[in-house]
Amino acid sequence: MRIGIAGVGRIGALHAANLAALASVDEVLLFDPVPGRAQQAATGLGPGVTPVAGFDELLAACDGVLIATPTDTHAGLVRQCLAARVPALCEKPVAGDLDALAGLVAEVEASGVEVLVGFQRRFDPAVAELRRRIRAGELGTIYQVRAVGNDATPPDFGYLPASGGIFRDLLIHDLDAVPWLVGEPVVEVYASGSVLVDKAFADADDVDNAVVVLRFAGGAHAVLVAGRHDPLGYDHRLEVLGSRDSLAVGLDPRTPLTSLEPGGPAAGSDAYPGFGERFSRAYRGEMATFVEVVAGRADNPSPVRDSVVSLRLADACERSRRSGTPVRLDHAIEVGV
């Protein structure tokens, strides 16, 4: 099997290394619009990884294509994959706004071509096990969900104006994962944010710390907390409290948190420096699953339609932050089960 990657920046190079390590992948082909970048990435990854000159050449040679180019190119490249009948995995967001995304969802579903969205937490073994236990009823009635998402270091300030803001960029992963776990539509959203890390976020009309409250149709609530700077390391955790059990993911010896209780855990010196290290198992699982979907041996666990939920919630968060009031979602969209 031959898998192509369009875009070999940090995330594309990570995906290339994980694909090259799979026995079921014979060759990984790389394309990047930046001259020389694909050649440089291929050299660092060794045999079985080959640069190509253009996206058309990549598409013609591959059984599946992974899209990790700049956001504004995603929808167009996905459409080229549909026209060529080549399955694709596209990094989020697949489209920049809800109207554009709705149109693309219709095209994908009419084509019958599999398109996965790169929400890597769906492929994380611990998150998948948490979902399995929720679906099996082991937690009973879900009462509360708590999510923490803190970057170790702020993103490059030059990236901020094009990032879409904290809700579309950082919190979008929780806005996908939490409804996917709970399995109910969100009916109300409240969000608040502050600029505490650097004035550059305010200059970009964004915030660097935010809190989101989601209310689900069944009455459960989720509280999502996110920030752009944790001096101790990268910290992304989920906790679910139910009537029968309470479970957490992302809580381990590398969690950058110190308890003041006697004998409590202390933040270690080897905290996760970033998302690549924290979600290494998830990214490996994502590539393995993509290959199985391309081969027709697995169902798509992250379809494009599901990404409508997180983008709609991110928009509601932004409206709530600006208005200071909750946003009611009268026409709730159910996440896939």
C-alpha atoms as a PDB file:
ATOM      1  CA  MET A   1       0.000   0.000   0.000  1.00  0.00           C
ATOM      2  CA  ARG A   2       1.179   3.527  -0.820  1.00  0.00           C
ATOM      3  CA  ILE A   3       0.087   6.464   1.350  1.00  0.00           C
ATOM      4  CA  GLY A   4       0.712  10.074   0.420  1.00  0.00           C
ATOM      5  CA  ILE A   5       1.132  13.058   2.703  1.00  0.00           C
ATOM      6  CA  ALA A   6       0.461  16.599   1.546  1.00  0.00           C
ATOM      7  CA  GLY A   7       2.241  18.994   3.890  1.00  0.00           C
ATOM      8  CA  VAL A   8       5.266  17.898   5.907  1.00  0.00           C
ATOM      9  CA  GLY A   9       5.518  20.510   8.608  1.00  0.00           C
ATOM     10  CA  ARG A  10       5.655  19.299  12.217  1.00  0.00           C
ATOM     11  CA  ILE A  11       2.435  17.255  12.176  1.00  0.00           C
ATOM     12  CA  GLY A  12       2.930  15.957   8.624  1.00  0.00           C
ATOM     13  CA  ALA A  13       6.452  14.764   9.436  1.00  0.00           C
ATOM     14  CA  LEU A  14       5.155  13.042  12.561  1.00  0.00           C
ATOM     15  CA  HIS A  15       2.506  11.240  10.521  1.00  0.00           C
ATOM     16  CA  ALA A  16       5.097  10.252   7.914  1.00  0.00           C
ATOM     17  CA  ALA A  17       7.303   8.619  10.539  1.00  0.00           C
ATOM     18  CA  ASN A  18       4.360   6.692  11.984  1.00  0.00           C
ATOM     19  CA  LEU A  19       3.199   5.531   8.552  1.00  0.00           C
ATOM     20  CA  ALA A  20       6.702   4.440   7.565  1.00  0.00           C
ATOM     21  CA  ALA A  21       6.813   2.228  10.653  1.00  0.00           C
ATOM     22  CA  LEU A  22       3.697   0.257   9.622  1.00  0.00           C
ATOM     23  CA  ALA A  23       4.353  -3.132   8.006  1.00  0.00           C
ATOM     24  CA  SER A  24       1.219  -2.742   5.856  1.00  0.00           C
ATOM     25  CA  VAL A  25       2.577   0.435   4.199  1.00  0.00           C
ATOM     26  CA  ASP A  26       5.018  -0.226   1.365  1.00  0.00           C
ATOM     27  CA  GLU A  27       5.844   3.384   0.554  1.00  0.00           C
ATOM     28  CA  VAL A  28       5.110   6.872   1.906  1.00  0.00           C
ATOM     29  CA  LEU A  29       5.107   9.692  -0.649  1.00  0.00           C
ATOM     30  CA  LEU A  30       5.591  13.297   0.440  1.00  0.00           C
ATOM     31  CA  PHE A  31       4.542  16.582  -1.143  1.00  0.00           C
ATOM     32  CA  ASP A  32       4.920  20.051   0.310  1.00  0.00           C
ATOM     33  CA  PRO A  33       4.316  23.413  -1.376  1.00  0.00           C
ATOM     34  CA  VAL A  34       7.464  24.823   0.281  1.00  0.00           C
ATOM     35  CA  PRO A  35      10.371  24.050  -2.080  1.00  0.00           C
ATOM     36  CA  GLY A  36      12.822  21.508  -0.674  1.00  0.00           C
ATOM     37  CA  ARG A  37      10.806  20.630   2.423  1.00  0.00           C
ATOM     38  CA  ALA A  38       9.525  17.262   1.150  1.00  0.00           C
ATOM     39  CA  GLN A  39      13.051  16.242   0.106  1.00  0.00           C
ATOM     40  CA  GLN A  40      14.433  17.231   3.490  1.00  0.00           C
ATOM     41  CA  ALA A  41      11.718  15.309   5.363  1.00  0.00           C
ATOM     42  CA  ALA A  42      12.188  12.219   3.191  1.00  0.00           C
ATOM     43  CA  THR A  43      15.942  12.216   3.810  1.00  0.00           C
ATOM     44  CA  GLY A  44      15.413  12.228   7.539  1.00  0.00           C
ATOM     45  CA  LEU A  45      12.923   9.334   7.443  1.00  0.00           C
ATOM     46  CA  GLY A  46      15.025   6.877   5.459  1.00  0.00           C
ATOM     47  CA  PRO A  47      14.125   4.272   2.806  1.00  0.00           C
ATOM     48  CA  GLY A  48      10.518   3.789   1.813  1.00  0.00           C
ATOM     49  CA  VAL A  49       9.759   7.525   1.988  1.00  0.00           C
ATOM     50  CA  THR A  50       9.817   9.371  -1.346  1.00  0.00           C
ATOM     51  CA  PRO A  51       9.300  13.067  -2.214  1.00  0.00           C
ATOM     52  CA  VAL A  52       7.161  14.021  -5.220  1.00  0.00           C
ATOM     53  CA  ALA A  53       6.890  17.312  -7.073  1.00  0.00           C
ATOM     54  CA  GLY A  54       3.153  18.047  -6.898  1.00  0.00           C
ATOM     55  CA  PHE A  55      -0.175  17.107  -5.371  1.00  0.00           C
ATOM     56  CA  ASP A  56      -1.523  15.685  -8.637  1.00  0.00           C
ATOM     57  CA  GLU A  57       1.444  13.314  -8.836  1.00  0.00           C
ATOM     58  CA  LEU A  58       0.909  12.331  -5.206  1.00  0.00           C
ATOM     59  CA  LEU A  59      -2.786  11.678  -5.753  1.00  0.00           C
ATOM     60  CA  ALA A  60      -2.222   9.569  -8.857  1.00  0.00           C
ATOM     61  CA  ALA A  61       0.302   7.317  -7.107  1.00  0.00           C
ATOM     62  CA  CYS A  62      -1.379   6.650  -3.754  1.00  0.00           C
ATOM     63  CA  ASP A  63      -4.087   4.458  -2.253  1.00  0.00           C
ATOM     64  CA  GLY A  64      -4.828   7.078   0.412  1.00  0.00           C
ATOM     65  CA  VAL A  65      -3.784  10.672   1.082  1.00  0.00           C
ATOM     66  CA  LEU A  66      -3.232  12.530   4.339  1.00  0.00           C
ATOM     67  CA  ILE A  67      -3.775  16.299   4.147  1.00  0.00           C
ATOM     68  CA  ALA A  68      -1.694  18.428   6.526  1.00  0.00           C
ATOM     69  CA  THR A  69      -1.284  21.591   4.466  1.00  0.00           C
ATOM     70  CA  PRO A  70      -2.417  25.083   5.600  1.00  0.00           C
ATOM     71  CA  THR A  71      -6.074  25.270   6.651  1.00  0.00           C
ATOM     72  CA  ASP A  72      -7.273  27.345   3.709  1.00  0.00           C
ATOM     73  CA  THR A  73      -6.206  24.569   1.290  1.00  0.00           C
ATOM     74  CA  HIS A  74      -8.009  21.697   3.046  1.00  0.00           C
ATOM     75  CA  ALA A  75     -11.405  21.817   1.350  1.00  0.00           C
ATOM     76  CA  GLY A  76      -9.934  22.095  -2.149  1.00  0.00           C
ATOM     77  CA  LEU A  77      -7.563  19.167  -1.632  1.00  0.00           C
ATOM     78  CA  VAL A  78     -10.337  17.023  -0.152  1.00  0.00           C
ATOM     79  CA  ARG A  79     -12.419  17.720  -3.265  1.00  0.00           C
ATOM     80  CA  GLN A  80      -9.520  16.605  -5.460  1.00  0.00           C
ATOM     81  CA  CYS A  81      -9.370  13.354  -3.478  1.00  0.00           C
ATOM     82  CA  LEU A  82     -13.097  12.843  -3.998  1.00  0.00           C
ATOM     83  CA  ALA A  83     -12.763  13.402  -7.741  1.00  0.00           C
ATOM     84  CA  ALA A  84      -9.930  10.856  -7.881  1.00  0.00           C
ATOM     85  CA  ARG A  85     -11.850   8.401  -5.625  1.00  0.00           C
ATOM     86  CA  VAL A  86      -8.929   8.322  -3.158  1.00  0.00           C
ATOM     87  CA  PRO A  87      -9.677   8.060   0.597  1.00  0.00           C
ATOM     88  CA  ALA A  88      -8.281  10.903   2.688  1.00  0.00           C
ATOM     89  CA  LEU A  89      -7.500  11.919   6.234  1.00  0.00           C
ATOM     90  CA  CYS A  90      -7.618  15.681   6.671  1.00  0.00           C
ATOM     91  CA  GLU A  91      -6.300  17.630   9.630  1.00  0.00           C
ATOM     92  CA  LYS A  92      -8.830  19.896  11.317  1.00  0.00           C
ATOM     93  CA  PRO A  93     -10.541  22.061  10.319  1.00  0.00           C
ATOM     94  CA  VAL A  94     -11.698  20.569   7.043  1.00  0.00           C
ATOM     95  CA  ALA A  95     -13.421  23.851   6.193  1.00  0.00           C
ATOM     96  CA  GLY A  96     -13.255  27.295   7.759  1.00  0.00           C
ATOM     97  CA  ASP A  97     -16.930  27.977   8.469  1.00  0.00           C
ATOM     98  CA  LEU A  98     -20.159  26.075   8.985  1.00  0.00           C
ATOM     99  CA  ASP A  99     -21.686  26.837   5.585  1.00  0.00           C
ATOM    100  CA  ALA A 100     -18.562  25.681   3.754  1.00  0.00           C
ATOM    101  CA  LEU A 101     -18.318  22.606   5.957  1.00  0.00           C
ATOM    102  CA  ALA A 102     -21.979  21.679   5.390  1.00  0.00           C
ATOM    103  CA  GLY A 103     -21.450  21.802   1.644  1.00  0.00           C
ATOM    104  CA  LEU A 104     -18.330  19.664   1.875  1.00  0.00           C
ATOM    105  CA  VAL A 105     -20.058  17.103   4.108  1.00  0.00           C
ATOM    106  CA  ALA A 106     -22.761  16.712   1.462  1.00  0.00           C
ATOM    107  CA  GLU A 107     -20.158  16.211  -1.269  1.00  0.00           C
ATOM    108  CA  VAL A 108     -18.204  13.649   0.761  1.00  0.00           C
ATOM    109  CA  GLU A 109     -21.290  11.631   1.644  1.00  0.00           C
ATOM    110  CA  ALA A 110     -22.607  11.722  -1.937  1.00  0.00           C
ATOM    111  CA  SER A 111     -19.248  10.497  -3.248  1.00  0.00           C
ATOM    112  CA  GLY A 112     -18.994   7.434  -1.011  1.00  0.00           C
ATOM    113  CA  VAL A 113     -15.260   8.135  -0.585  1.00  0.00           C
ATOM    114  CA  GLU A 114     -14.023   7.793   2.995  1.00  0.00           C
ATOM    115  CA  VAL A 115     -12.727  11.025   4.525  1.00  0.00           C
ATOM    116  CA  LEU A 116     -11.465  11.005   8.108  1.00  0.00           C
ATOM    117  CA  VAL A 117     -10.891  14.131  10.209  1.00  0.00           C
ATOM    118  CA  GLY A 118      -7.708  14.245  12.278  1.00  0.00           C
ATOM    119  CA  PHE A 119      -9.136  14.483  15.774  1.00  0.00           C
ATOM    120  CA  GLN A 120      -6.411  12.319  17.259  1.00  0.00           C
ATOM    121  CA  ARG A 121      -8.017  11.861  20.674  1.00  0.00           C
ATOM    122  CA  ARG A 122     -10.566   9.508  19.120  1.00  0.00           C
ATOM    123  CA  PHE A 123      -7.624   7.211  18.394  1.00  0.00           C
ATOM    124  CA  ASP A 124      -6.037   7.462  21.856  1.00  0.00           C
ATOM    125  CA  PRO A 125      -6.257   4.047  23.610  1.00  0.00           C
ATOM    126  CA  ALA A 126      -7.194   5.540  26.994  1.00  0.00           C
ATOM    127  CA  VAL A 127      -9.884   7.795  25.529  1.00  0.00           C
ATOM    128  CA  ALA A 128     -11.257   4.905  23.465  1.00  0.00           C
ATOM    129  CA  GLU A 129     -11.401   2.727  26.582  1.00  0.00           C
ATOM    130  CA  LEU A 130     -13.199   5.490  28.481  1.00  0.00           C
ATOM    131  CA  ARG A 131     -15.783   5.684  25.701  1.00  0.00           C
ATOM    132  CA  ARG A 132     -16.197   1.899  25.675  1.00  0.00           C
ATOM    133  CA  ARG A 133     -16.879   1.883  29.409  1.00  0.00           C
ATOM    134  CA  ILE A 134     -19.373   4.741  29.125  1.00  0.00           C
ATOM    135  CA  ARG A 135     -21.185   2.973  26.297  1.00  0.00           C
ATOM    136  CA  ALA A 136     -21.213  -0.285  28.285  1.00  0.00           C
ATOM    137  CA  GLY A 137     -22.933   1.492  31.160  1.00  0.00           C
ATOM    138  CA  GLU A 138     -20.042   0.972  33.581  1.00  0.00           C
ATOM    139  CA  LEU A 139     -20.155   4.594  34.750  1.00  0.00           C
ATOM    140  CA  GLY A 140     -23.934   4.657  35.080  1.00  0.00           C
ATOM    141  CA  THR A 141     -25.569   8.044  34.596  1.00  0.00           C
ATOM    142  CA  ILE A 142     -23.030  10.672  33.566  1.00  0.00           C
ATOM    143  CA  TYR A 143     -23.092  13.568  36.031  1.00  0.00           C
ATOM    144  CA  GLN A 144     -20.072  15.688  35.114  1.00  0.00           C
ATOM    145  CA  VAL A 145     -17.179  15.883  32.679  1.00  0.00           C
ATOM    146  CA  ARG A 146     -14.096  17.969  33.380  1.00  0.00           C
ATOM    147  CA  ALA A 147     -11.408  18.659  30.788  1.00  0.00           C
ATOM    148  CA  VAL A 148      -8.096  20.488  31.139  1.00  0.00           C
ATOM    149  CA  GLY A 149      -6.107  21.558  28.098  1.00  0.00           C
ATOM    150  CA  ASN A 150      -2.987  23.658  28.676  1.00  0.00           C
ATOM    151  CA  ASP A 151      -0.176  24.245  26.226  1.00  0.00           C
ATOM    152  CA  ALA A 152       3.313  24.282  27.699  1.00  0.00           C
ATOM    153  CA  THR A 153       4.362  27.293  25.629  1.00  0.00           C
ATOM    154  CA  PRO A 154       2.277  29.771  23.634  1.00  0.00           C
ATOM    155  CA  PRO A 155       2.097  29.373  19.862  1.00  0.00           C
ATOM    156  CA  ASP A 156       4.120  31.640  17.613  1.00  0.00           C
ATOM    157  CA  PHE A 157       2.415  35.014  17.800  1.00  0.00           C
ATOM    158  CA  GLY A 158       2.499  35.310  14.029  1.00  0.00           C
ATOM    159  CA  TYR A 159       0.176  32.302  13.871  1.00  0.00           C
ATOM    160  CA  LEU A 160      -2.544  33.866  16.017  1.00  0.00           C
ATOM    161  CA  PRO A 161      -4.416  35.995  13.419  1.00  0.00           C
ATOM    162  CA  ALA A 162      -4.967  32.899  11.233  1.00  0.00           C
ATOM    163  CA  SER A 163      -5.549  30.417  14.075  1.00  0.00           C
ATOM    164  CA  GLY A 164      -9.290  30.953  14.328  1.00  0.00           C
ATOM    165  CA  GLY A 165      -9.000  31.706  18.046  1.00  0.00           C
ATOM    166  CA  ILE A 166      -8.663  29.554  21.138  1.00  0.00           C
ATOM    167  CA  PHE A 167     -12.015  27.794  20.681  1.00  0.00           C
ATOM    168  CA  ARG A 168     -11.375  26.757  17.062  1.00  0.00           C
ATOM    169  CA  ASP A 169      -7.705  25.985  17.562  1.00  0.00           C
ATOM    170  CA  LEU A 170      -6.970  24.639  21.062  1.00  0.00           C
ATOM    171  CA  LEU A 171     -10.390  23.748  22.490  1.00  0.00           C
ATOM    172  CA  ILE A 172     -11.734  22.266  19.252  1.00  0.00           C
ATOM    173  CA  HIS A 173     -10.304  18.887  20.292  1.00  0.00           C
ATOM    174  CA  ASP A 174     -12.276  18.867  23.553  1.00  0.00           C
ATOM    175  CA  LEU A 175     -15.352  20.164  21.741  1.00  0.00           C
ATOM    176  CA  ASP A 176     -15.075  17.054  19.559  1.00  0.00           C
ATOM    177  CA  ALA A 177     -14.033  14.496  22.186  1.00  0.00           C
ATOM    178  CA  VAL A 178     -16.403  15.367  25.027  1.00  0.00           C
ATOM    179  CA  PRO A 179     -19.705  15.096  23.057  1.00  0.00           C
ATOM    180  CA  TRP A 180     -18.291  11.961  21.391  1.00  0.00           C
ATOM    181  CA  LEU A 181     -17.743  10.453  24.839  1.00  0.00           C
ATOM    182  CA  VAL A 182     -21.050  11.529  26.381  1.00  0.00           C
ATOM    183  CA  GLY A 183     -23.089  10.516  23.323  1.00  0.00           C
ATOM    184  CA  GLU A 184     -25.715  13.243  23.725  1.00  0.00           C
ATOM    185  CA  PRO A 185     -26.283  16.551  21.932  1.00  0.00           C
ATOM    186  CA  VAL A 186     -25.195  19.792  23.581  1.00  0.00           C
ATOM    187  CA  VAL A 187     -28.133  22.154  24.111  1.00  0.00           C
ATOM    188  CA  GLU A 188     -26.427  25.158  25.728  1.00  0.00           C
ATOM    189  CA  VAL A 189     -22.950  26.717  25.719  1.00  0.00           C
ATOM    190  CA  TYR A 190     -21.379  29.351  27.951  1.00  0.00           C
ATOM    191  CA  ALA A 191     -17.816  30.585  27.489  1.00  0.00           C
ATOM    192  CA  SER A 192     -15.565  33.187  29.054  1.00  0.00           C
ATOM    193  CA  GLY A 193     -11.984  34.165  28.342  1.00  0.00           C
ATOM    194  CA  SER A 194      -9.161  36.441  29.470  1.00  0.00           C
ATOM    195  CA  VAL A 195      -5.797  37.676  28.236  1.00  0.00           C
ATOM    196  CA  LEU A 196      -3.243  36.855  30.935  1.00  0.00           C
ATOM    197  CA  VAL A 197      -0.249  35.428  29.041  1.00  0.00           C
ATOM    198  CA  ASP A 198       0.580  38.087  26.464  1.00  0.00           C
ATOM    199  CA  LYS A 199      -0.985  41.184  24.891  1.00  0.00           C
ATOM    200  CA  ALA A 200      -0.413  39.597  21.471  1.00  0.00           C
ATOM    201  CA  PHE A 201      -3.574  37.539  21.999  1.00  0.00           C
ATOM    202  CA  ALA A 202      -5.656  40.683  22.546  1.00  0.00           C
ATOM    203  CA  ASP A 203      -4.051  42.251  19.467  1.00  0.00           C
ATOM    204  CA  ALA A 204      -5.269  39.201  17.513  1.00  0.00           C
ATOM    205  CA  ASP A 205      -8.788  39.628  18.996  1.00  0.00           C
ATOM    206  CA  ASP A 206      -8.301  36.385  20.917  1.00  0.00           C
ATOM    207  CA  VAL A 207      -7.871  35.203  24.509  1.00  0.00           C
ATOM    208  CA  ASP A 208      -5.186  32.968  26.028  1.00  0.00           C
ATOM    209  CA  ASN A 209      -7.191  31.440  28.895  1.00  0.00           C
ATOM    210  CA  ALA A 210     -10.773  30.233  28.590  1.00  0.00           C
ATOM    211  CA  VAL A 211     -13.508  28.320  30.381  1.00  0.00           C
ATOM    212  CA  VAL A 212     -16.427  26.620  28.632  1.00  0.00           C
ATOM    213  CA  VAL A 213     -19.547  25.077  30.161  1.00  0.00           C
ATOM    214  CA  LEU A 214     -21.559  22.645  28.023  1.00  0.00           C
ATOM    215  CA  ARG A 215     -25.029  21.455  29.047  1.00  0.00           C
ATOM    216  CA  PHE A 216     -26.163  18.188  27.462  1.00  0.00           C
ATOM    217  CA  ALA A 217     -29.698  17.196  26.576  1.00  0.00           C
ATOM    218  CA  GLY A 218     -29.810  14.693  29.462  1.00  0.00           C
ATOM    219  CA  GLY A 219     -28.768  17.293  32.034  1.00  0.00           C
ATOM    220  CA  ALA A 220     -25.078  16.478  32.463  1.00  0.00           C
ATOM    221  CA  HIS A 221     -22.570  19.319  32.344  1.00  0.00           C
ATOM    222  CA  ALA A 222     -19.017  19.502  31.050  1.00  0.00           C
ATOM    223  CA  VAL A 223     -16.504  22.139  32.134  1.00  0.00           C
ATOM    224  CA  LEU A 224     -13.590  22.689  29.758  1.00  0.00           C
ATOM    225  CA  VAL A 225     -10.599  24.748  30.897  1.00  0.00           C
ATOM    226  CA  ALA A 226      -7.842  25.746  28.484  1.00  0.00           C
ATOM    227  CA  GLY A 227      -4.765  27.932  28.541  1.00  0.00           C
ATOM    228  CA  ARG A 228      -1.848  28.845  26.321  1.00  0.00           C
ATOM    229  CA  HIS A 229       0.928  28.603  28.924  1.00  0.00           C
ATOM    230  CA  ASP A 230       1.715  26.037  31.600  1.00  0.00           C
ATOM    231  CA  PRO A 231       5.301  26.590  32.798  1.00  0.00           C
ATOM    232  CA  LEU A 232       5.574  22.982  34.035  1.00  0.00           C
ATOM    233  CA  GLY A 233       4.601  21.270  30.770  1.00  0.00           C
ATOM    234  CA  TYR A 234       1.829  20.225  28.423  1.00  0.00           C
ATOM    235  CA  ASP A 235      -1.281  19.137  30.348  1.00  0.00           C
ATOM    236  CA  HIS A 236      -4.345  17.597  28.702  1.00  0.00           C
ATOM    237  CA  ARG A 237      -6.693  15.557  30.906  1.00  0.00           C
ATOM    238  CA  LEU A 238     -10.285  14.306  30.953  1.00  0.00           C
ATOM    239  CA  GLU A 239     -12.332  13.226  33.973  1.00  0.00           C
ATOM    240  CA  VAL A 240     -15.816  11.712  33.888  1.00  0.00           C
ATOM    241  CA  LEU A 241     -17.951  11.348  37.021  1.00  0.00           C
ATOM    242  CA  GLY A 242     -20.907   8.984  36.870  1.00  0.00           C
ATOM    243  CA  SER A 243     -23.363   7.356  39.255  1.00  0.00           C
ATOM    244  CA  ARG A 244     -21.291   4.135  39.330  1.00  0.00           C
ATOM    245  CA  ASP A 245     -17.692   5.118  38.701  1.00  0.00           C
ATOM    246  CA  SER A 246     -15.283   8.008  38.083  1.00  0.00           C
ATOM    247  CA  LEU A 247     -12.517   7.688  35.483  1.00  0.00           C
ATOM    248  CA  ALA A 248      -9.712   9.867  34.144  1.00  0.00           C
ATOM    249  CA  VAL A 249      -7.360   9.896  31.188  1.00  0.00           C
ATOM    250  CA  GLY A 250      -4.169  11.925  30.932  1.00  0.00           C
ATOM    251  CA  LEU A 251      -3.379  11.555  34.630  1.00  0.00           C
ATOM    252  CA  ASP A 252       0.008   9.869  34.931  1.00  0.00           C
ATOM    253  CA  PRO A 253       3.515  10.441  36.378  1.00  0.00           C
ATOM    254  CA  ARG A 254       4.216  13.018  33.652  1.00  0.00           C
ATOM    255  CA  THR A 255       1.204  15.204  34.521  1.00  0.00           C
ATOM    256  CA  PRO A 256       2.561  18.672  35.447  1.00  0.00           C
ATOM    257  CA  LEU A 257       0.663  18.984  38.725  1.00  0.00           C
ATOM    258  CA  THR A 258       1.775  18.784  42.357  1.00  0.00           C
ATOM    259  CA  SER A 259      -0.470  17.719  45.233  1.00  0.00           C
ATOM    260  CA  LEU A 260       0.026  19.402  48.609  1.00  0.00           C
ATOM    261  CA  GLU A 261      -1.442  16.414  50.442  1.00  0.00           C
ATOM    262  CA  PRO A 262       0.952  14.158  52.421  1.00  0.00           C
ATOM    263  CA  GLY A 263       2.222  11.470  50.069  1.00  0.00           C
ATOM    264  CA  GLY A 264       0.453  13.041  47.100  1.00  0.00           C
ATOM    265  CA  PRO A 265       2.003  13.010  43.617  1.00  0.00           C
ATOM    266  CA  ALA A 266       4.462  15.693  42.573  1.00  0.00           C
ATOM    267  CA  ALA A 267       5.083  17.117  39.134  1.00  0.00           C
ATOM    268  CA  GLY A 268       7.961  15.203  37.586  1.00  0.00           C
ATOM    269  CA  SER A 269      10.893  16.633  35.711  1.00  0.00           C
ATOM    270  CA  ASP A 270       9.834  14.803  32.526  1.00  0.00           C
ATOM    271  CA  ALA A 271       6.467  16.475  31.883  1.00  0.00           C
ATOM    272  CA  TYR A 272       5.197  16.257  28.303  1.00  0.00           C
ATOM    273  CA  PRO A 273       6.734  19.119  26.300  1.00  0.00           C
ATOM    274  CA  GLY A 274       3.976  19.159  23.675  1.00  0.00           C
ATOM    275  CA  PHE A 275       1.099  17.437  21.917  1.00  0.00           C
ATOM    276  CA  GLY A 276       3.315  15.087  19.901  1.00  0.00           C
ATOM    277  CA  GLU A 277       4.718  13.451  23.009  1.00  0.00           C
ATOM    278  CA  ARG A 278       1.474  13.509  25.037  1.00  0.00           C
ATOM    279  CA  PHE A 279      -0.558  11.911  22.253  1.00  0.00           C
ATOM    280  CA  SER A 280       2.125   9.706  20.688  1.00  0.00           C
ATOM    281  CA  ARG A 281       0.006   6.560  21.104  1.00  0.00           C
ATOM    282  CA  ALA A 282      -3.001   8.358  19.643  1.00  0.00           C
ATOM    283  CA  TYR A 283      -1.091   9.482  16.549  1.00  0.00           C
ATOM    284  CA  ARG A 284       0.256   5.972  15.953  1.00  0.00           C
ATOM    285  CA  GLY A 285      -3.252   4.567  16.331  1.00  0.00           C
ATOM    286  CA  GLU A 286      -4.637   7.220  13.991  1.00  0.00           C
ATOM    287  CA  MET A 287      -2.288   6.205  11.190  1.00  0.00           C
ATOM    288  CA  ALA A 288      -2.867   2.486  11.744  1.00  0.00           C
ATOM    289  CA  THR A 289      -6.629   3.035  11.620  1.00  0.00           C
ATOM    290  CA  PHE A 290      -6.412   5.225   8.502  1.00  0.00           C
ATOM    291  CA  VAL A 291      -4.551   2.481   6.673  1.00  0.00           C
ATOM    292  CA  GLU A 292      -7.192  -0.049   7.711  1.00  0.00           C
ATOM    293  CA  VAL A 293      -9.983   2.253   6.471  1.00  0.00           C
ATOM    294  CA  VAL A 294      -8.156   2.726   3.146  1.00  0.00           C
ATOM    295  CA  ALA A 295      -7.873  -1.061   2.846  1.00  0.00           C
ATOM    296  CA  GLY A 296     -11.604  -1.455   3.548  1.00  0.00           C
ATOM    297  CA  ARG A 297     -10.999  -3.430   6.742  1.00  0.00           C
ATOM    298  CA  ALA A 298     -12.276  -0.837   9.249  1.00  0.00           C
ATOM    299  CA  ASP A 299     -15.092   1.670   9.645  1.00  0.00           C
ATOM    300  CA  ASN A 300     -14.393   5.396   9.699  1.00  0.00           C
ATOM    301  CA  PRO A 301     -14.242   6.456  13.389  1.00  0.00           C
ATOM    302  CA  SER A 302     -13.973  10.191  12.655  1.00  0.00           C
ATOM    303  CA  PRO A 303     -16.288  11.068   9.740  1.00  0.00           C
ATOM    304  CA  VAL A 304     -16.575  14.574   8.344  1.00  0.00           C
ATOM    305  CA  ARG A 305     -20.180  14.959   9.531  1.00  0.00           C
ATOM    306  CA  ASP A 306     -19.052  14.643  13.158  1.00  0.00           C
ATOM    307  CA  SER A 307     -16.747  17.639  12.727  1.00  0.00           C
ATOM    308  CA  VAL A 308     -19.826  19.829  12.248  1.00  0.00           C
ATOM    309  CA  VAL A 309     -20.492  19.378  15.982  1.00  0.00           C
ATOM    310  CA  SER A 310     -17.160  20.750  17.203  1.00  0.00           C
ATOM    311  CA  LEU A 311     -17.138  23.654  14.749  1.00  0.00           C
ATOM    312  CA  ARG A 312     -20.690  24.601  15.699  1.00  0.00           C
ATOM    313  CA  LEU A 313     -19.770  24.472  19.383  1.00  0.00           C
ATOM    314  CA  ALA A 314     -16.642  26.550  18.781  1.00  0.00           C
ATOM    315  CA  ASP A 315     -18.763  29.201  17.050  1.00  0.00           C
ATOM    316  CA  ALA A 316     -21.200  29.157  19.977  1.00  0.00           C
ATOM    317  CA  CYS A 317     -18.295  29.567  22.410  1.00  0.00           C
ATOM    318  CA  GLU A 318     -17.037  32.618  20.544  1.00  0.00           C
ATOM    319  CA  ARG A 319     -20.498  34.187  20.483  1.00  0.00           C
ATOM    320  CA  SER A 320     -20.950  33.505  24.194  1.00  0.00           C
ATOM    321  CA  ARG A 321     -17.540  34.968  25.070  1.00  0.00           C
ATOM    322  CA  ARG A 322     -18.303  38.161  23.205  1.00  0.00           C
ATOM    323  CA  SER A 323     -21.854  38.560  24.509  1.00  0.00           C
ATOM    324  CA  GLY A 324     -21.244  37.343  28.065  1.00  0.00           C
ATOM    325  CA  THR A 325     -24.389  35.208  27.901  1.00  0.00           C
ATOM    326  CA  PRO A 326     -25.138  31.511  27.276  1.00  0.00           C
ATOM    327  CA  VAL A 327     -25.943  30.408  23.727  1.00  0.00           C
ATOM    328  CA  ARG A 328     -28.873  28.024  23.318  1.00  0.00           C
ATOM    329  CA  LEU A 329     -28.557  25.426  20.551  1.00  0.00           C
ATOM    330  CA  ASP A 330     -32.149  24.833  19.522  1.00  0.00           C
ATOM    331  CA  HIS A 331     -31.270  22.463  16.721  1.00  0.00           C
ATOM    332  CA  ALA A 332     -28.734  20.219  18.404  1.00  0.00           C
ATOM    333  CA  ILE A 333     -26.591  18.018  16.179  1.00  0.00           C
ATOM    334  CA  GLU A 334     -25.981  14.514  17.423  1.00  0.00           C
ATOM    335  CA  VAL A 335     -22.434  13.262  17.302  1.00  0.00           C
ATOM    336  CA  GLY A 336     -21.903   9.885  15.644  1.00  0.00           C
ATOM    337  CA  VAL A 337     -21.967   6.787  17.824  1.00  0.00           C
END
